[in-house]
C-alpha atoms as a PDB file:
ATOM      1  CA  MET A   1       3.409 -15.007  -6.999  1.00  0.00           C
ATOM      2  CA  THR A   2       6.449 -13.268  -8.157  1.00  0.00           C
ATOM      3  CA  GLU A   3       9.097 -11.962  -5.711  1.00  0.00           C
ATOM      4  CA  ILE A   4       8.119  -8.278  -6.432  1.00  0.00           C
ATOM      5  CA  GLN A   5       4.340  -9.127  -5.527  1.00  0.00           C
ATOM      6  CA  GLN A   6       5.857 -10.447  -2.283  1.00  0.00           C
ATOM      7  CA  THR A   7       7.823  -7.550  -1.601  1.00  0.00           C
ATOM      8  CA  ASN A   8       4.841  -5.252  -2.426  1.00  0.00           C
ATOM      9  CA  ILE A   9       2.585  -7.509   0.056  1.00  0.00           C
ATOM     10  CA  ALA A  10       5.259  -7.045   2.713  1.00  0.00           C
ATOM     11  CA  ALA A  11       5.234  -3.267   2.246  1.00  0.00           C
ATOM     12  CA  ALA A  12       1.248  -3.241   2.247  1.00  0.00           C
ATOM     13  CA  ASN A  13       1.073  -5.201   5.308  1.00  0.00           C
ATOM     14  CA  PHE A  14       3.742  -2.963   7.039  1.00  0.00           C
ATOM     15  CA  ILE A  15       1.958   0.147   6.086  1.00  0.00           C
ATOM     16  CA  ILE A  16      -1.540  -1.387   7.039  1.00  0.00           C
ATOM     17  CA  GLY A  17       0.206  -2.194  10.584  1.00  0.00           C
ATOM     18  CA  GLU A  18       1.178   1.534  11.016  1.00  0.00           C
ATOM     19  CA  LEU A  19      -2.374   2.701  10.141  1.00  0.00           C
ATOM     20  CA  HIS A  20      -3.396   1.896  13.770  1.00  0.00           C
ATOM     21  CA  LYS A  21      -1.362   4.650  15.313  1.00  0.00           C
ATOM     22  CA  ASP A  22      -3.076   7.757  16.781  1.00  0.00           C
ATOM     23  CA  LYS A  23      -3.586  10.266  14.030  1.00  0.00           C
ATOM     24  CA  PRO A  24      -2.352  12.534  12.387  1.00  0.00           C
ATOM     25  CA  PHE A  25       1.037  11.106  11.984  1.00  0.00           C
ATOM     26  CA  ASN A  26       3.858  11.169   9.380  1.00  0.00           C
ATOM     27  CA  LEU A  27       4.757   7.655   8.043  1.00  0.00           C
ATOM     28  CA  VAL A  28       8.492   7.641   6.754  1.00  0.00           C
ATOM     29  CA  LEU A  29       8.710   5.205   3.835  1.00  0.00           C
ATOM     30  CA  ASN A  30      12.337   4.276   2.505  1.00  0.00           C
ATOM     31  CA  ALA A  31      12.866   3.855  -1.215  1.00  0.00           C
ATOM     32  CA  GLY A  32      12.075   0.601  -1.558  1.00  0.00           C
ATOM     33  CA  GLN A  33       8.719   0.716  -0.075  1.00  0.00           C
ATOM     34  CA  THR A  34       8.016   3.891  -1.852  1.00  0.00           C
ATOM     35  CA  GLY A  35       8.391   1.880  -5.073  1.00  0.00           C
ATOM     36  CA  SER A  36       6.029  -0.648  -3.778  1.00  0.00           C
ATOM     37  CA  LEU A  37       3.578   1.522  -2.641  1.00  0.00           C
ATOM     38  CA  TYR A  38       3.804   3.148  -6.309  1.00  0.00           C
ATOM     39  CA  ILE A  39       3.070  -0.402  -7.996  1.00  0.00           C
ATOM     40  CA  ILE A  40       0.238  -1.014  -5.543  1.00  0.00           C
ATOM     41  CA  ALA A  41      -1.163   2.554  -6.595  1.00  0.00           C
ATOM     42  CA  SER A  42      -0.607   1.813 -10.093  1.00  0.00           C
ATOM     43  CA  ASP A  43      -2.472  -1.583  -9.905  1.00  0.00           C
ATOM     44  CA  SER A  44      -5.629   0.031  -7.980  1.00  0.00           C
ATOM     45  CA  HIS A  45      -6.800   2.089 -10.995  1.00  0.00           C
ATOM     46  CA  HIS A  46     -10.062  -0.103 -10.780  1.00  0.00           C
ATOM     47  CA  LEU A  47     -10.641   1.853  -7.492  1.00  0.00           C
ATOM     48  CA  HIS A  48     -11.294   4.905  -9.691  1.00  0.00           C
ATOM     49  CA  SER A  49     -10.256   7.373  -6.786  1.00  0.00           C
ATOM     50  CA  ASP A  50      -8.952  10.801  -7.124  1.00  0.00           C
ATOM     51  CA  PHE A  51      -6.696   9.817  -3.866  1.00  0.00           C
ATOM     52  CA  VAL A  52      -5.102   6.855  -5.644  1.00  0.00           C
ATOM     53  CA  ARG A  53      -4.281   8.932  -9.031  1.00  0.00           C
ATOM     54  CA  LYS A  54      -2.703  11.662  -6.864  1.00  0.00           C
ATOM     55  CA  LEU A  55      -0.829   9.221  -4.756  1.00  0.00           C
ATOM     56  CA  GLU A  56       0.412   7.458  -7.823  1.00  0.00           C
ATOM     57  CA  ALA A  57       1.600  10.867  -9.425  1.00  0.00           C
ATOM     58  CA  THR A  58       3.613  11.856  -6.267  1.00  0.00           C
ATOM     59  CA  LEU A  59       5.166   8.462  -5.780  1.00  0.00           C
ATOM     60  CA  ARG A  60       6.252   8.511  -9.486  1.00  0.00           C
ATOM     61  CA  GLN A  61       8.336  11.327  -8.946  1.00  0.00           C
ATOM     62  CA  ARG A  62      10.029   9.613  -5.785  1.00  0.00           C
ATOM     63  CA  VAL A  63      10.731   6.539  -7.572  1.00  0.00           C
ATOM     64  CA  ASN A  64      12.030   8.439 -10.687  1.00  0.00           C
ATOM     65  CA  ASN A  65      14.305  10.199  -7.927  1.00  0.00           C
ATOM     66  CA  GLY A  66      15.179   6.999  -5.999  1.00  0.00           C
ATOM     67  CA  THR A  67      14.122   8.679  -2.643  1.00  0.00           C
ATOM     68  CA  GLY A  68      11.626   7.461  -0.067  1.00  0.00           C
ATOM     69  CA  ILE A  69       8.628   9.786   1.026  1.00  0.00           C
ATOM     70  CA  ILE A  70       7.124  10.932   4.291  1.00  0.00           C
ATOM     71  CA  LEU A  71       3.059  10.263   4.159  1.00  0.00           C
ATOM     72  CA  GLU A  72       0.760  12.503   6.291  1.00  0.00           C
ATOM     73  CA  VAL A  73      -1.742   9.898   7.466  1.00  0.00           C
ATOM     74  CA  SER A  74      -4.726  11.344   9.122  1.00  0.00           C
ATOM     75  CA  ASP A  75      -8.388  10.105   9.847  1.00  0.00           C
ATOM     76  CA  SER A  76      -9.552  11.364   6.549  1.00  0.00           C
ATOM     77  CA  ASN A  77      -7.004   9.277   4.563  1.00  0.00           C
ATOM     78  CA  ALA A  78      -6.320   6.389   6.496  1.00  0.00           C
ATOM     79  CA  ASP A  79      -9.282   4.331   5.349  1.00  0.00           C
ATOM     80  CA  LEU A  80      -8.204   5.179   1.456  1.00  0.00           C
ATOM     81  CA  TYR A  81      -4.833   3.756   1.991  1.00  0.00           C
ATOM     82  CA  TYR A  82      -6.237   0.664   4.001  1.00  0.00           C
ATOM     83  CA  HIS A  83      -8.923  -0.182   0.989  1.00  0.00           C
ATOM     84  CA  MET A  84      -5.831   0.498  -1.532  1.00  0.00           C
ATOM     85  CA  LEU A  85      -3.708  -1.844   0.187  1.00  0.00           C
ATOM     86  CA  SER A  86      -6.008  -4.365   1.365  1.00  0.00           C
ATOM     87  CA  SER A  87      -7.362  -4.788  -2.189  1.00  0.00           C
ATOM     88  CA  TYR A  88      -3.961  -5.356  -3.467  1.00  0.00           C
ATOM     89  CA  ILE A  89      -3.066  -7.933  -1.154  1.00  0.00           C
ATOM     90  CA  THR A  90      -6.371  -9.577  -1.460  1.00  0.00           C
ATOM     91  CA  GLU A  91      -5.855  -9.707  -5.406  1.00  0.00           C
ATOM     92  CA  PHE A  92      -2.129 -10.926  -4.973  1.00  0.00           C
ATOM     93  CA  ASP A  93      -1.627 -12.859  -2.004  1.00  0.00           C
ATOM     94  CA  GLN A  94      -3.198 -16.143  -2.838  1.00  0.00           C
ATOM     95  CA  TYR A  95      -1.380 -17.771  -0.215  1.00  0.00           C
ATOM     96  CA  GLY A  96      -2.810 -15.551   2.506  1.00  0.00           C
ATOM     97  CA  VAL A  97      -6.205 -15.948   1.409  1.00  0.00           C
ATOM     98  CA  VAL A  98      -6.178 -19.756   1.233  1.00  0.00           C
ATOM     99  CA  LYS A  99      -4.625 -19.899   4.756  1.00  0.00           C
ATOM    100  CA  ALA A 100      -7.439 -17.440   5.940  1.00  0.00           C
ATOM    101  CA  LEU A 101     -10.112 -19.632   4.509  1.00  0.00           C
ATOM    102  CA  GLY A 102      -8.599 -22.756   5.885  1.00  0.00           C
ATOM    103  CA  GLU A 103      -8.823 -21.065   9.161  1.00  0.00           C
ATOM    104  CA  VAL A 104     -12.344 -20.159   8.771  1.00  0.00           C
ATOM    105  CA  SER A 105     -13.351 -23.654   7.841  1.00  0.00           C
END
């Protein structure tokens, strides 16, 4: 796993952890977390989701400006964030998957 993938997985795990809060709420991401979320959204085209495409376009602007973002998390989009982020983690965090499989055995 590359260092960028490790950084993205850390950001994904952070965001997933925040998704458990009472909704709606605003999730403030710094520029680095925004960049990670942009890469994750860009790598999530296989989900064929309007949500992912719109998120990617919004994040692209923030990444180009070098700024963070405030995401509005609600009951209607929390599952979409979770699915996108967990799919990325499953694809790139081979150590975590192997560790989880070892715990099941």
